[in-house]
Protein backbone atom coordinates (compact mmCIF):
# COMPACT_ATOMS: atom_id res chain seq x y z
CA MET A 1 24.47 2.57 -20.96
CA ALA A 2 24.04 2.32 -17.18
CA LEU A 3 20.85 4.36 -17.40
CA LYS A 4 19.30 1.87 -19.83
CA ILE A 5 20.24 -1.03 -17.56
CA PHE A 6 18.74 0.69 -14.51
CA LYS A 7 15.57 1.53 -16.44
CA GLY A 8 15.16 -2.13 -17.33
CA LEU A 9 15.86 -3.26 -13.78
CA TRP A 10 13.39 -0.68 -12.47
CA PHE A 11 10.72 -1.97 -14.83
CA PHE A 12 11.28 -5.55 -13.66
CA SER A 13 11.29 -4.45 -10.02
CA VAL A 14 7.89 -2.80 -10.53
CA ILE A 15 6.55 -5.95 -12.19
CA GLY A 16 7.96 -8.08 -9.35
CA LEU A 17 6.53 -5.73 -6.75
CA LEU A 18 3.06 -5.83 -8.29
CA PHE A 19 3.18 -9.61 -8.64
CA THR A 20 4.26 -9.98 -5.01
CA PHE A 21 1.67 -7.47 -3.83
CA PHE A 22 -1.26 -9.17 -5.53
CA TYR A 23 -0.08 -12.61 -4.42
CA VAL A 24 0.20 -11.44 -0.80
CA TYR A 25 -3.07 -9.53 -0.96
CA ALA A 26 -4.95 -12.62 -2.14
CA GLY A 27 -3.77 -14.61 0.86
CA LEU A 28 -4.40 -12.04 3.59
CA PRO A 29 -7.31 -12.32 6.03
CA GLU A 30 -10.01 -9.62 6.22
CA TRP A 31 -8.26 -8.03 9.22
CA VAL A 32 -4.49 -7.90 8.73
CA ILE A 33 -2.36 -8.13 11.87
CA LEU A 34 0.40 -5.52 11.88
CA SER A 35 1.67 -6.10 15.41
CA ASN A 36 0.95 -8.65 18.08
CA GLU A 37 2.96 -7.08 20.89
CA GLY A 38 0.99 -5.40 23.65
CA ALA A 39 -2.41 -4.55 22.25
CA PRO A 40 -2.64 -6.14 18.79
CA SER A 41 -2.99 -3.66 15.94
CA TYR A 42 -5.11 -4.57 12.94
CA ILE A 43 -5.95 -2.89 9.67
CA PRO A 44 -8.70 -3.83 7.24
CA LYS A 45 -7.50 -5.64 4.14
CA ASN A 46 -9.01 -2.99 1.85
CA SER A 47 -7.27 -0.15 3.69
CA LEU A 48 -3.96 -1.97 3.39
CA PHE A 49 -4.61 -2.40 -0.33
CA TYR A 50 -5.19 1.30 -0.97
CA LEU A 51 -2.38 2.48 1.29
CA SER A 52 0.08 0.08 -0.35
CA ILE A 53 -0.96 0.91 -3.90
CA GLY A 54 -0.77 4.61 -3.07
CA ALA A 55 2.71 4.31 -1.57
CA MET A 56 3.97 2.22 -4.49
CA ALA A 57 2.48 4.65 -7.00
CA VAL A 58 3.99 7.73 -5.33
CA ILE A 59 7.45 6.17 -4.95
CA ASN A 60 7.58 4.88 -8.53
CA THR A 61 6.15 8.10 -9.98
CA LEU A 62 9.05 9.99 -8.43
CA VAL A 63 11.21 8.49 -11.17
CA PHE A 64 9.40 10.56 -13.77
CA ILE A 65 9.52 13.71 -11.66
CA ALA A 66 13.14 13.46 -10.51
CA THR A 67 14.48 12.75 -13.98
CA ARG A 68 13.09 16.07 -15.19
CA LEU A 69 15.01 18.14 -12.62
CA PRO A 70 17.72 20.47 -13.94
CA ILE A 71 20.86 18.85 -12.50
CA LYS A 72 24.46 19.16 -13.64
CA GLN A 73 25.15 15.42 -14.02
CA LYS A 74 21.74 14.55 -15.42
CA GLN A 75 22.50 11.09 -16.85
CA ASP A 76 24.40 9.98 -13.76
CA PHE A 77 21.67 11.27 -11.44
CA LYS A 78 18.95 9.55 -13.46
CA ALA A 79 20.79 6.23 -13.26
CA TRP A 80 21.36 6.68 -9.51
CA PHE A 81 17.73 7.62 -8.90
CA TYR A 82 16.44 4.63 -10.84
CA GLY A 83 18.69 2.49 -8.65
CA LEU A 84 17.28 4.14 -5.52
CA ILE A 85 13.73 3.33 -6.55
CA ILE A 86 14.79 -0.24 -7.35
CA THR A 87 16.18 -0.64 -3.82
CA ILE A 88 12.98 0.80 -2.32
CA ASN A 89 10.93 -1.65 -4.39
CA ILE A 90 13.10 -4.47 -3.04
CA PHE A 91 12.33 -3.26 0.49
CA PHE A 92 8.60 -3.23 -0.32
CA ILE A 93 8.85 -6.80 -1.64
CA ALA A 94 10.63 -7.97 1.51
CA SER A 95 8.09 -6.18 3.72
CA LEU A 96 5.15 -7.69 1.86
CA GLY A 97 6.72 -11.12 2.18
CA PHE A 98 7.03 -10.65 5.92
CA LEU A 99 3.44 -9.43 6.18
CA HIS A 100 2.27 -12.50 4.27
CA VAL A 101 4.17 -14.90 6.49
CA TYR A 102 3.16 -13.07 9.67
CA ASN A 103 -0.54 -13.29 8.81
CA SER A 104 -0.52 -16.86 7.60
CA GLY A 105 -1.97 -19.43 9.94
CA GLU A 106 1.19 -21.54 9.86
CA ARG A 107 3.85 -21.78 12.52
CA TYR A 108 6.90 -20.01 11.23
CA ASP A 109 10.10 -18.68 12.75
CA TYR A 110 9.91 -14.99 11.86
CA SER A 111 13.55 -14.41 12.70
CA GLY A 112 14.39 -15.91 9.31
CA MET A 113 12.82 -12.88 7.64
CA ALA A 114 15.04 -10.40 9.52
CA PRO A 115 18.01 -10.63 7.11
CA ALA A 116 15.75 -9.81 4.15
CA ILE A 117 14.13 -6.82 5.85
CA TYR A 118 17.31 -5.41 7.38
CA GLY A 119 19.34 -6.25 4.30
CA SER A 120 16.95 -4.34 2.05
CA LEU A 121 17.01 -1.37 4.47
CA PHE A 122 20.82 -1.49 4.45
CA LEU A 123 20.72 -1.57 0.64
CA VAL A 124 18.52 1.55 0.53
CA GLY A 125 20.78 3.35 2.99
CA ALA A 126 23.95 2.38 1.13
CA TRP A 127 22.42 3.54 -2.15
CA ILE A 128 21.44 6.91 -0.65
CA ILE A 129 24.97 7.41 0.67
CA SER A 130 26.51 6.44 -2.68
CA TRP A 131 25.36 9.64 -4.47
CA PRO A 132 27.27 12.11 -2.25
CA ILE A 133 30.28 9.81 -2.37
CA TYR A 134 30.07 9.76 -6.16
CA LEU A 135 29.85 13.56 -6.34
CA LEU A 136 32.79 13.95 -3.97
CA SER A 137 34.88 11.52 -5.99
CA GLN A 138 34.05 13.42 -9.18
CA LYS A 139 35.24 16.67 -7.59
CA ILE A 140 38.46 15.09 -6.36
CA LEU A 141 39.21 13.44 -9.72
CA ALA A 142 38.45 16.65 -11.61
CA LYS A 143 41.28 18.48 -9.83
């Protein structure tokens, strides 16, 4: 049951990620500012497009590869891995939102974006740690 829920959530996270990506991409200037500290670093809009699409494709394709691995707790691992990819997609969405705000011509307090970025990174880290904890708890409860 959990696997079906995570599959559905993963699907909606991919749809949300693509929607956010195309919305952000449409509003970016030709040269996207990545950093303004020291010497500013820029990347062409087209390069950002292909790098982002490539990263999103590789990360989300891992779902199909990892679910075919021969693992003892296959259903549990599949559900956990779908959840991991969901959390990574959430991080991508938060990062794209920050990139959009950072490159807009408006005055904006960027510190308001920090909780979303760091929160999504914390979510990814917590989800990664949850699998070994789950396996350890299964071993302890089996005894």
